């Protein structure tokens, strides 16, 4: 079984919130009542979009393990007006603290027609923002955010749009379907 979930902002990409002594945080169990499925990879709590869930361990490994280089495409709203030099750095790969990244496919895009984020992204009249489409073939912790910050473009909103041939297109936040 393979489930495509549009994970909303603020939801943990796990089924329990173990170790949280404060108020409970939203988890996958609030959205998906299917037993025996687990996330194939992760998506940060402050990121949105496609999360794949499966009950097949081999499929989970083929999706999540970096050696398979499964392309992951993100729609990224960044603070600032990206210059070609910054985008070229991302395309070549950047040196992060945990080593150099593989080259990314990067292009500027018009603001996409996405669902509203709750809470909304902060808007500052004096600071421009832009949208990028970024495709990577690895999946380090907070990688896209760290890459854009490295080139001077802090991430305001990050939506994973696709993993390989699977896409979140047509799925509202919090909704899922079987592939």
N, C-alpha and C. Protein backbone atom coordinates (compact mmCIF):
# COMPACT_ATOMS: atom_id res chain seq x y z
N UNK A 1 0.85 -1.18 0.00
CA UNK A 1 0.00 0.00 0.00
C UNK A 1 0.89 1.24 0.00
N UNK A 2 0.48 2.23 -0.78
CA UNK A 2 1.19 3.51 -0.82
C UNK A 2 0.15 4.62 -0.72
N UNK A 3 0.35 5.50 0.25
CA UNK A 3 -0.57 6.61 0.49
C UNK A 3 0.16 7.91 0.20
N UNK A 4 -0.49 8.80 -0.56
CA UNK A 4 0.01 10.15 -0.82
C UNK A 4 -0.77 11.09 0.10
N UNK A 5 -0.06 11.78 0.97
CA UNK A 5 -0.67 12.69 1.94
C UNK A 5 -0.18 14.10 1.68
N UNK A 6 -1.09 15.07 1.74
CA UNK A 6 -0.70 16.48 1.71
C UNK A 6 -0.58 16.91 3.17
N UNK A 7 0.64 16.87 3.70
CA UNK A 7 0.88 17.21 5.10
C UNK A 7 0.78 18.72 5.29
N UNK A 8 -0.11 19.14 6.18
CA UNK A 8 -0.22 20.57 6.44
C UNK A 8 0.93 21.10 7.29
N UNK A 9 1.12 22.41 7.24
CA UNK A 9 2.06 23.11 8.11
C UNK A 9 1.71 22.78 9.56
N UNK A 10 2.73 22.55 10.39
CA UNK A 10 2.51 22.34 11.82
C UNK A 10 2.28 20.90 12.25
N UNK A 11 2.21 19.98 11.30
CA UNK A 11 1.98 18.58 11.63
C UNK A 11 3.32 17.84 11.60
N UNK A 12 3.57 17.04 12.64
CA UNK A 12 4.79 16.22 12.67
C UNK A 12 4.66 15.08 11.69
N UNK A 13 5.75 14.68 11.05
CA UNK A 13 5.69 13.57 10.09
C UNK A 13 5.98 12.24 10.80
N UNK A 14 5.26 12.03 11.89
CA UNK A 14 5.32 10.78 12.65
C UNK A 14 3.94 10.59 13.27
N UNK A 15 3.67 9.38 13.77
CA UNK A 15 2.33 9.06 14.28
C UNK A 15 2.14 9.37 15.75
N UNK A 16 3.23 9.59 16.50
CA UNK A 16 3.11 9.95 17.91
C UNK A 16 4.02 11.14 18.19
N UNK A 17 3.73 11.80 19.30
CA UNK A 17 4.54 12.95 19.71
C UNK A 17 5.26 12.60 21.01
N UNK A 18 6.01 11.52 20.98
CA UNK A 18 6.73 11.06 22.16
C UNK A 18 7.77 12.09 22.58
N UNK A 19 7.89 12.29 23.88
CA UNK A 19 8.92 13.18 24.38
C UNK A 19 8.50 14.63 24.47
N UNK A 20 7.28 14.96 24.06
CA UNK A 20 6.82 16.34 24.16
C UNK A 20 6.08 16.51 25.48
N UNK A 21 6.68 17.22 26.42
CA UNK A 21 6.08 17.40 27.74
C UNK A 21 5.02 18.49 27.74
N UNK A 22 5.05 19.35 26.74
CA UNK A 22 4.09 20.45 26.67
C UNK A 22 2.77 20.00 26.07
N UNK A 23 2.08 20.93 25.46
CA UNK A 23 0.80 20.59 24.85
C UNK A 23 1.02 19.69 23.64
N UNK A 24 0.09 18.79 23.40
CA UNK A 24 0.27 17.86 22.28
C UNK A 24 0.30 18.59 20.94
N UNK A 25 1.15 18.09 20.03
CA UNK A 25 1.26 18.65 18.69
C UNK A 25 0.56 17.70 17.72
N UNK A 26 0.08 18.24 16.62
CA UNK A 26 -0.59 17.43 15.61
C UNK A 26 0.39 16.44 15.00
N UNK A 27 -0.07 15.22 14.76
CA UNK A 27 0.74 14.17 14.17
C UNK A 27 -0.01 13.53 13.02
N UNK A 28 0.63 12.59 12.34
CA UNK A 28 -0.01 11.89 11.23
C UNK A 28 -1.24 11.12 11.68
N UNK A 29 -1.26 10.67 12.95
CA UNK A 29 -2.43 9.92 13.43
C UNK A 29 -3.69 10.79 13.46
N UNK A 30 -3.53 12.11 13.44
CA UNK A 30 -4.69 13.00 13.37
C UNK A 30 -5.27 13.06 11.96
N UNK A 31 -4.50 12.58 10.96
CA UNK A 31 -4.91 12.69 9.56
C UNK A 31 -5.17 11.36 8.89
N UNK A 32 -4.42 10.32 9.26
CA UNK A 32 -4.48 9.04 8.56
C UNK A 32 -4.77 7.94 9.57
N UNK A 33 -5.92 7.29 9.42
CA UNK A 33 -6.31 6.21 10.34
C UNK A 33 -6.12 4.85 9.67
N UNK A 34 -4.95 4.66 9.08
CA UNK A 34 -4.62 3.39 8.43
C UNK A 34 -3.51 2.75 9.25
N UNK A 35 -3.73 1.53 9.69
CA UNK A 35 -2.75 0.84 10.52
C UNK A 35 -1.62 0.28 9.66
N UNK A 36 -0.41 0.28 10.24
CA UNK A 36 0.72 -0.41 9.62
C UNK A 36 1.45 0.35 8.53
N UNK A 37 1.14 1.62 8.33
CA UNK A 37 1.88 2.41 7.34
C UNK A 37 2.82 3.36 8.07
N UNK A 38 3.94 3.66 7.41
CA UNK A 38 4.97 4.51 7.99
C UNK A 38 5.47 5.47 6.93
N UNK A 39 5.94 6.66 7.35
CA UNK A 39 6.45 7.63 6.37
C UNK A 39 7.70 7.12 5.66
N UNK A 40 7.74 7.34 4.36
CA UNK A 40 8.94 7.06 3.56
C UNK A 40 9.67 8.39 3.43
N UNK A 41 10.50 8.68 4.42
CA UNK A 41 11.17 9.98 4.50
C UNK A 41 10.45 10.87 5.48
N UNK A 42 10.92 12.08 5.57
CA UNK A 42 10.36 13.02 6.54
C UNK A 42 10.08 14.36 5.85
N UNK A 43 9.27 15.12 6.52
CA UNK A 43 8.98 16.49 6.09
C UNK A 43 8.86 17.29 7.37
N UNK A 44 9.65 18.33 7.51
CA UNK A 44 9.69 19.10 8.74
C UNK A 44 8.31 19.60 9.14
N UNK A 45 8.16 19.84 10.44
CA UNK A 45 6.89 20.34 10.97
C UNK A 45 6.47 21.65 10.29
N UNK A 46 7.46 22.50 9.96
CA UNK A 46 7.14 23.80 9.36
C UNK A 46 7.17 23.76 7.83
N UNK A 47 7.15 22.56 7.26
CA UNK A 47 7.05 22.38 5.81
C UNK A 47 5.73 21.71 5.48
N UNK A 48 5.30 21.86 4.25
CA UNK A 48 4.01 21.33 3.82
C UNK A 48 4.20 20.45 2.60
N UNK A 49 3.15 19.74 2.24
CA UNK A 49 3.14 19.04 0.97
C UNK A 49 3.25 17.54 1.07
N UNK A 50 3.76 16.96 0.00
CA UNK A 50 3.71 15.51 -0.20
C UNK A 50 4.54 14.74 0.81
N UNK A 51 3.88 13.81 1.46
CA UNK A 51 4.53 12.83 2.33
C UNK A 51 3.97 11.48 1.90
N UNK A 52 4.86 10.54 1.61
CA UNK A 52 4.45 9.21 1.21
C UNK A 52 4.47 8.29 2.42
N UNK A 53 3.41 7.49 2.55
CA UNK A 53 3.30 6.51 3.63
C UNK A 53 3.14 5.13 3.00
N UNK A 54 3.82 4.14 3.56
CA UNK A 54 3.72 2.80 3.00
C UNK A 54 3.84 1.74 4.09
N UNK A 55 3.35 0.55 3.77
CA UNK A 55 3.52 -0.60 4.65
C UNK A 55 4.58 -1.55 4.09
N UNK A 56 5.24 -1.13 3.02
CA UNK A 56 6.24 -1.95 2.33
C UNK A 56 7.64 -1.41 2.64
N UNK A 57 8.39 -2.14 3.46
CA UNK A 57 9.72 -1.69 3.88
C UNK A 57 10.69 -1.49 2.73
N UNK A 58 10.61 -2.37 1.72
CA UNK A 58 11.52 -2.23 0.57
C UNK A 58 11.18 -0.97 -0.23
N UNK A 59 9.89 -0.71 -0.42
CA UNK A 59 9.48 0.51 -1.12
C UNK A 59 9.88 1.74 -0.31
N UNK A 60 9.71 1.68 0.99
CA UNK A 60 10.08 2.79 1.86
C UNK A 60 11.56 3.12 1.68
N UNK A 61 12.41 2.10 1.62
CA UNK A 61 13.85 2.31 1.43
C UNK A 61 14.15 2.90 0.06
N UNK A 62 13.48 2.40 -0.98
CA UNK A 62 13.72 2.92 -2.34
C UNK A 62 13.30 4.38 -2.47
N UNK A 63 12.31 4.79 -1.71
CA UNK A 63 11.86 6.18 -1.75
C UNK A 63 12.77 7.07 -0.92
N UNK A 64 13.13 6.62 0.27
CA UNK A 64 13.80 7.50 1.23
C UNK A 64 15.32 7.46 1.20
N UNK A 65 15.92 6.33 0.84
CA UNK A 65 17.37 6.22 0.96
C UNK A 65 18.07 7.04 -0.12
N UNK A 66 19.08 7.86 0.27
CA UNK A 66 19.78 8.74 -0.68
C UNK A 66 20.45 8.00 -1.84
N UNK A 67 20.84 6.74 -1.65
CA UNK A 67 21.55 6.04 -2.72
C UNK A 67 20.67 5.85 -3.97
N UNK A 68 19.35 5.92 -3.81
CA UNK A 68 18.45 5.74 -4.96
C UNK A 68 18.20 7.05 -5.71
N UNK A 69 18.65 8.16 -5.14
CA UNK A 69 18.57 9.48 -5.79
C UNK A 69 17.19 9.81 -6.36
N UNK A 70 16.17 9.51 -5.59
CA UNK A 70 14.79 9.81 -6.00
C UNK A 70 14.60 11.33 -6.02
N UNK A 71 14.25 11.92 -7.16
CA UNK A 71 14.10 13.38 -7.21
C UNK A 71 12.91 13.86 -6.38
N UNK A 72 13.14 14.93 -5.64
CA UNK A 72 12.11 15.56 -4.82
C UNK A 72 12.04 17.02 -5.24
N UNK A 73 10.84 17.46 -5.62
CA UNK A 73 10.66 18.83 -6.10
C UNK A 73 9.89 19.64 -5.07
N UNK A 74 10.42 20.82 -4.79
CA UNK A 74 9.86 21.72 -3.80
C UNK A 74 9.51 23.05 -4.44
N UNK A 75 8.40 23.65 -3.99
CA UNK A 75 8.06 25.03 -4.33
C UNK A 75 8.45 25.85 -3.11
N UNK A 76 9.34 26.81 -3.30
CA UNK A 76 9.96 27.49 -2.18
C UNK A 76 9.79 29.00 -2.32
N UNK A 77 9.17 29.59 -1.32
CA UNK A 77 9.07 31.05 -1.26
C UNK A 77 10.25 31.54 -0.44
N UNK A 78 11.06 32.39 -1.05
CA UNK A 78 12.25 32.90 -0.37
C UNK A 78 12.14 34.40 -0.17
N UNK A 79 12.85 34.87 0.85
CA UNK A 79 12.93 36.30 1.11
C UNK A 79 14.06 36.86 0.26
N UNK A 80 13.77 37.91 -0.46
CA UNK A 80 14.78 38.53 -1.31
C UNK A 80 14.46 38.33 -2.77
N UNK A 81 15.29 38.94 -3.60
CA UNK A 81 15.15 38.84 -5.05
C UNK A 81 16.36 38.06 -5.58
N UNK A 82 16.18 36.78 -5.89
CA UNK A 82 17.32 35.93 -6.26
C UNK A 82 18.06 36.45 -7.48
N UNK A 83 19.38 36.53 -7.35
CA UNK A 83 20.22 36.89 -8.48
C UNK A 83 20.68 35.60 -9.17
N UNK A 84 21.04 35.72 -10.43
CA UNK A 84 21.50 34.55 -11.18
C UNK A 84 22.67 33.85 -10.49
N UNK A 85 23.56 34.61 -9.88
CA UNK A 85 24.73 34.02 -9.21
C UNK A 85 24.30 33.11 -8.06
N UNK A 86 23.29 33.52 -7.31
CA UNK A 86 22.79 32.70 -6.20
C UNK A 86 22.15 31.41 -6.72
N UNK A 87 21.36 31.54 -7.78
CA UNK A 87 20.71 30.36 -8.36
C UNK A 87 21.75 29.42 -8.96
N UNK A 88 22.79 29.97 -9.58
CA UNK A 88 23.86 29.14 -10.14
C UNK A 88 24.59 28.37 -9.04
N UNK A 89 24.79 29.00 -7.88
CA UNK A 89 25.41 28.29 -6.76
C UNK A 89 24.58 27.07 -6.38
N UNK A 90 23.27 27.25 -6.28
CA UNK A 90 22.39 26.12 -5.94
C UNK A 90 22.47 25.03 -7.01
N UNK A 91 22.54 25.45 -8.27
CA UNK A 91 22.61 24.48 -9.37
C UNK A 91 23.91 23.67 -9.35
N UNK A 92 24.97 24.28 -8.86
CA UNK A 92 26.26 23.57 -8.77
C UNK A 92 26.37 22.73 -7.51
N UNK A 93 25.58 23.07 -6.49
CA UNK A 93 25.70 22.45 -5.18
C UNK A 93 26.42 23.41 -4.26
N UNK A 94 26.06 23.40 -3.00
CA UNK A 94 26.66 24.30 -2.02
C UNK A 94 27.31 23.49 -0.91
N UNK A 95 28.28 24.10 -0.23
CA UNK A 95 28.97 23.45 0.88
C UNK A 95 28.25 23.76 2.18
N UNK A 96 27.58 22.77 2.74
CA UNK A 96 26.93 22.92 4.03
C UNK A 96 27.83 22.33 5.11
N UNK A 97 27.47 22.51 6.36
CA UNK A 97 28.30 22.01 7.45
C UNK A 97 28.50 20.49 7.38
N UNK A 98 27.50 19.79 6.86
CA UNK A 98 27.60 18.33 6.77
C UNK A 98 28.11 17.87 5.40
N UNK A 99 28.74 18.78 4.65
CA UNK A 99 29.35 18.43 3.37
C UNK A 99 28.64 19.06 2.20
N UNK A 100 29.24 18.94 1.02
CA UNK A 100 28.64 19.55 -0.18
C UNK A 100 27.37 18.82 -0.61
N UNK A 101 26.43 19.61 -1.13
CA UNK A 101 25.20 19.01 -1.65
C UNK A 101 25.42 18.62 -3.11
N UNK A 102 24.60 17.73 -3.58
CA UNK A 102 24.59 17.43 -5.01
C UNK A 102 23.99 18.65 -5.73
N UNK A 103 24.31 18.81 -6.99
CA UNK A 103 23.68 19.90 -7.74
C UNK A 103 22.16 19.78 -7.72
N UNK A 104 21.49 20.93 -7.72
CA UNK A 104 20.03 20.97 -7.72
C UNK A 104 19.54 21.58 -9.03
N UNK A 105 18.36 21.20 -9.43
CA UNK A 105 17.68 21.89 -10.53
C UNK A 105 16.92 23.04 -9.89
N UNK A 106 17.14 24.25 -10.39
CA UNK A 106 16.53 25.43 -9.79
C UNK A 106 16.03 26.36 -10.88
N UNK A 107 14.81 26.85 -10.69
CA UNK A 107 14.31 27.88 -11.60
C UNK A 107 13.33 28.78 -10.86
N UNK A 108 13.33 30.03 -11.28
CA UNK A 108 12.34 30.99 -10.76
C UNK A 108 10.99 30.64 -11.35
N UNK A 109 9.95 30.78 -10.54
CA UNK A 109 8.59 30.54 -11.03
C UNK A 109 7.68 31.67 -10.55
N UNK A 110 6.55 31.82 -11.23
CA UNK A 110 5.53 32.74 -10.76
C UNK A 110 4.95 32.18 -9.47
N UNK A 111 4.37 33.03 -8.63
CA UNK A 111 3.76 32.51 -7.41
C UNK A 111 2.74 31.41 -7.75
N UNK A 112 2.90 30.22 -7.18
CA UNK A 112 2.01 29.12 -7.53
C UNK A 112 0.63 29.29 -6.90
N UNK A 113 -0.35 28.64 -7.49
CA UNK A 113 -1.72 28.68 -6.98
C UNK A 113 -1.85 27.58 -5.92
N UNK A 114 -1.45 27.93 -4.70
CA UNK A 114 -1.47 26.98 -3.60
C UNK A 114 -2.60 27.31 -2.62
N UNK A 115 -2.90 26.36 -1.78
CA UNK A 115 -3.82 26.55 -0.68
C UNK A 115 -3.24 27.59 0.28
N UNK A 116 -4.10 28.30 1.02
CA UNK A 116 -3.58 29.26 2.01
C UNK A 116 -2.87 28.49 3.13
N UNK A 117 -1.78 29.06 3.61
CA UNK A 117 -1.08 28.43 4.73
C UNK A 117 -1.66 28.97 6.03
N UNK A 118 -1.80 28.10 7.01
CA UNK A 118 -2.29 28.47 8.33
C UNK A 118 -1.22 28.11 9.34
N UNK A 119 -0.59 29.12 10.01
CA UNK A 119 -0.80 30.56 9.86
C UNK A 119 -0.16 31.07 8.57
N UNK A 120 -0.60 32.24 8.10
CA UNK A 120 -0.03 32.78 6.87
C UNK A 120 1.44 33.16 7.03
N UNK A 121 2.14 33.19 5.91
CA UNK A 121 3.53 33.64 5.89
C UNK A 121 3.55 35.13 6.20
N UNK A 122 4.52 35.56 6.99
CA UNK A 122 4.60 36.98 7.31
C UNK A 122 4.88 37.78 6.04
N UNK A 123 4.26 38.91 5.94
CA UNK A 123 4.46 39.77 4.78
C UNK A 123 5.13 41.06 5.23
N UNK A 124 6.22 41.42 4.56
CA UNK A 124 6.91 42.68 4.86
C UNK A 124 6.98 43.50 3.58
N UNK A 125 6.34 44.66 3.62
CA UNK A 125 6.25 45.53 2.45
C UNK A 125 7.62 45.95 1.94
N UNK A 126 8.59 46.10 2.84
CA UNK A 126 9.90 46.61 2.45
C UNK A 126 10.86 45.52 1.96
N UNK A 127 10.48 44.24 2.08
CA UNK A 127 11.37 43.14 1.68
C UNK A 127 10.68 42.31 0.59
N UNK A 128 11.29 42.23 -0.60
CA UNK A 128 10.67 41.44 -1.67
C UNK A 128 10.78 39.94 -1.37
N UNK A 129 9.95 39.18 -2.03
CA UNK A 129 10.07 37.73 -1.96
C UNK A 129 9.90 37.17 -3.36
N UNK A 130 10.28 35.91 -3.52
CA UNK A 130 10.22 35.26 -4.83
C UNK A 130 9.94 33.78 -4.62
N UNK A 131 9.50 33.13 -5.69
CA UNK A 131 9.25 31.68 -5.66
C UNK A 131 10.26 30.97 -6.55
N UNK A 132 10.75 29.84 -6.04
CA UNK A 132 11.66 28.98 -6.78
C UNK A 132 11.09 27.57 -6.82
N UNK A 133 11.40 26.87 -7.89
CA UNK A 133 11.15 25.43 -7.95
C UNK A 133 12.53 24.77 -7.85
N UNK A 134 12.70 23.95 -6.82
CA UNK A 134 13.99 23.32 -6.56
C UNK A 134 13.80 21.81 -6.52
N UNK A 135 14.61 21.09 -7.31
CA UNK A 135 14.58 19.63 -7.30
C UNK A 135 15.94 19.13 -6.83
N UNK A 136 15.89 18.28 -5.79
CA UNK A 136 17.12 17.69 -5.25
C UNK A 136 17.01 16.17 -5.34
N UNK A 137 18.15 15.50 -5.24
CA UNK A 137 18.16 14.04 -5.31
C UNK A 137 18.76 13.43 -4.04
N UNK A 138 18.75 14.18 -2.98
CA UNK A 138 19.13 13.67 -1.67
C UNK A 138 18.11 14.24 -0.70
N UNK A 139 18.24 14.00 0.56
CA UNK A 139 17.23 14.48 1.48
C UNK A 139 17.77 14.66 2.88
N UNK A 140 18.75 15.51 3.00
CA UNK A 140 19.31 15.77 4.33
C UNK A 140 18.34 16.58 5.17
N UNK A 141 18.59 16.60 6.46
CA UNK A 141 17.76 17.34 7.38
C UNK A 141 17.71 18.82 6.99
N UNK A 142 16.50 19.31 6.73
CA UNK A 142 16.24 20.72 6.39
C UNK A 142 17.11 21.22 5.23
N UNK A 143 17.42 20.34 4.30
CA UNK A 143 18.39 20.63 3.25
C UNK A 143 18.02 21.83 2.39
N UNK A 144 16.81 21.89 1.88
CA UNK A 144 16.44 22.99 0.98
C UNK A 144 16.50 24.32 1.73
N UNK A 145 16.03 24.34 2.96
CA UNK A 145 16.09 25.56 3.76
C UNK A 145 17.54 26.00 3.97
N UNK A 146 18.40 25.05 4.28
CA UNK A 146 19.82 25.38 4.52
C UNK A 146 20.50 25.83 3.23
N UNK A 147 20.13 25.22 2.11
CA UNK A 147 20.73 25.61 0.83
C UNK A 147 20.35 27.05 0.46
N UNK A 148 19.07 27.38 0.57
CA UNK A 148 18.65 28.73 0.19
C UNK A 148 19.23 29.77 1.16
N UNK A 149 19.28 29.44 2.44
CA UNK A 149 19.88 30.36 3.42
C UNK A 149 21.36 30.57 3.11
N UNK A 150 22.05 29.52 2.68
CA UNK A 150 23.48 29.60 2.37
C UNK A 150 23.77 30.62 1.28
N UNK A 151 22.83 30.78 0.34
CA UNK A 151 23.04 31.74 -0.75
C UNK A 151 22.31 33.07 -0.48
N UNK A 152 21.92 33.30 0.79
CA UNK A 152 21.32 34.57 1.17
C UNK A 152 19.85 34.72 0.88
N UNK A 153 19.14 33.60 0.76
CA UNK A 153 17.71 33.63 0.46
C UNK A 153 16.95 32.81 1.51
N UNK A 154 16.67 33.41 2.67
CA UNK A 154 15.95 32.66 3.70
C UNK A 154 14.60 32.16 3.21
N UNK A 155 14.26 30.96 3.60
CA UNK A 155 13.01 30.32 3.18
C UNK A 155 11.84 30.83 4.03
N UNK A 156 10.78 31.25 3.36
CA UNK A 156 9.56 31.69 4.04
C UNK A 156 8.51 30.58 4.05
N UNK A 157 8.42 29.85 2.96
CA UNK A 157 7.44 28.76 2.83
C UNK A 157 8.05 27.68 1.98
N UNK A 158 7.85 26.42 2.39
CA UNK A 158 8.41 25.30 1.65
C UNK A 158 7.33 24.24 1.47
N UNK A 159 7.03 23.92 0.21
CA UNK A 159 6.02 22.93 -0.12
C UNK A 159 6.66 21.85 -0.98
N UNK A 160 6.67 20.60 -0.48
CA UNK A 160 7.17 19.51 -1.33
C UNK A 160 6.04 19.15 -2.28
N UNK A 161 6.32 19.34 -3.58
CA UNK A 161 5.30 19.13 -4.60
C UNK A 161 5.31 17.70 -5.12
N UNK A 162 6.51 17.12 -5.26
CA UNK A 162 6.54 15.76 -5.81
C UNK A 162 7.76 14.99 -5.32
N UNK A 163 7.61 13.67 -5.38
CA UNK A 163 8.70 12.73 -5.13
C UNK A 163 8.63 11.75 -6.29
N UNK A 164 9.66 11.74 -7.13
CA UNK A 164 9.61 10.90 -8.33
C UNK A 164 8.39 11.27 -9.15
N UNK A 165 7.57 10.27 -9.49
CA UNK A 165 6.36 10.51 -10.29
C UNK A 165 5.13 10.82 -9.46
N UNK A 166 5.24 10.75 -8.14
CA UNK A 166 4.10 11.02 -7.27
C UNK A 166 4.03 12.50 -6.95
N UNK A 167 2.81 13.06 -7.01
CA UNK A 167 2.63 14.49 -6.80
C UNK A 167 1.47 14.75 -5.84
N UNK A 168 1.53 15.89 -5.19
CA UNK A 168 0.48 16.32 -4.28
C UNK A 168 -0.64 17.06 -5.02
N UNK A 169 -0.48 17.21 -6.31
CA UNK A 169 -1.47 17.92 -7.13
C UNK A 169 -2.88 17.35 -6.90
N UNK A 170 -3.83 18.25 -6.63
CA UNK A 170 -5.21 17.84 -6.43
C UNK A 170 -5.56 17.42 -5.02
N UNK A 171 -4.59 17.36 -4.12
CA UNK A 171 -4.85 16.99 -2.73
C UNK A 171 -4.87 18.24 -1.85
N UNK A 172 -5.94 18.43 -1.14
CA UNK A 172 -6.02 19.55 -0.19
C UNK A 172 -5.20 19.20 1.06
N UNK A 173 -4.74 20.21 1.81
CA UNK A 173 -3.99 19.93 3.04
C UNK A 173 -4.78 19.03 3.99
N UNK A 174 -4.08 18.02 4.51
CA UNK A 174 -4.70 17.08 5.45
C UNK A 174 -5.40 15.92 4.78
N UNK A 175 -5.50 15.95 3.45
CA UNK A 175 -6.17 14.88 2.70
C UNK A 175 -5.15 13.90 2.14
N UNK A 176 -5.61 12.69 1.85
CA UNK A 176 -4.73 11.66 1.30
C UNK A 176 -5.51 10.77 0.33
N UNK A 177 -4.74 10.04 -0.47
CA UNK A 177 -5.32 9.06 -1.38
C UNK A 177 -4.30 7.94 -1.57
N UNK A 178 -4.81 6.78 -1.95
CA UNK A 178 -3.91 5.67 -2.27
C UNK A 178 -3.38 5.84 -3.67
N UNK A 179 -2.13 5.48 -3.87
CA UNK A 179 -1.52 5.58 -5.20
C UNK A 179 -1.82 4.33 -6.00
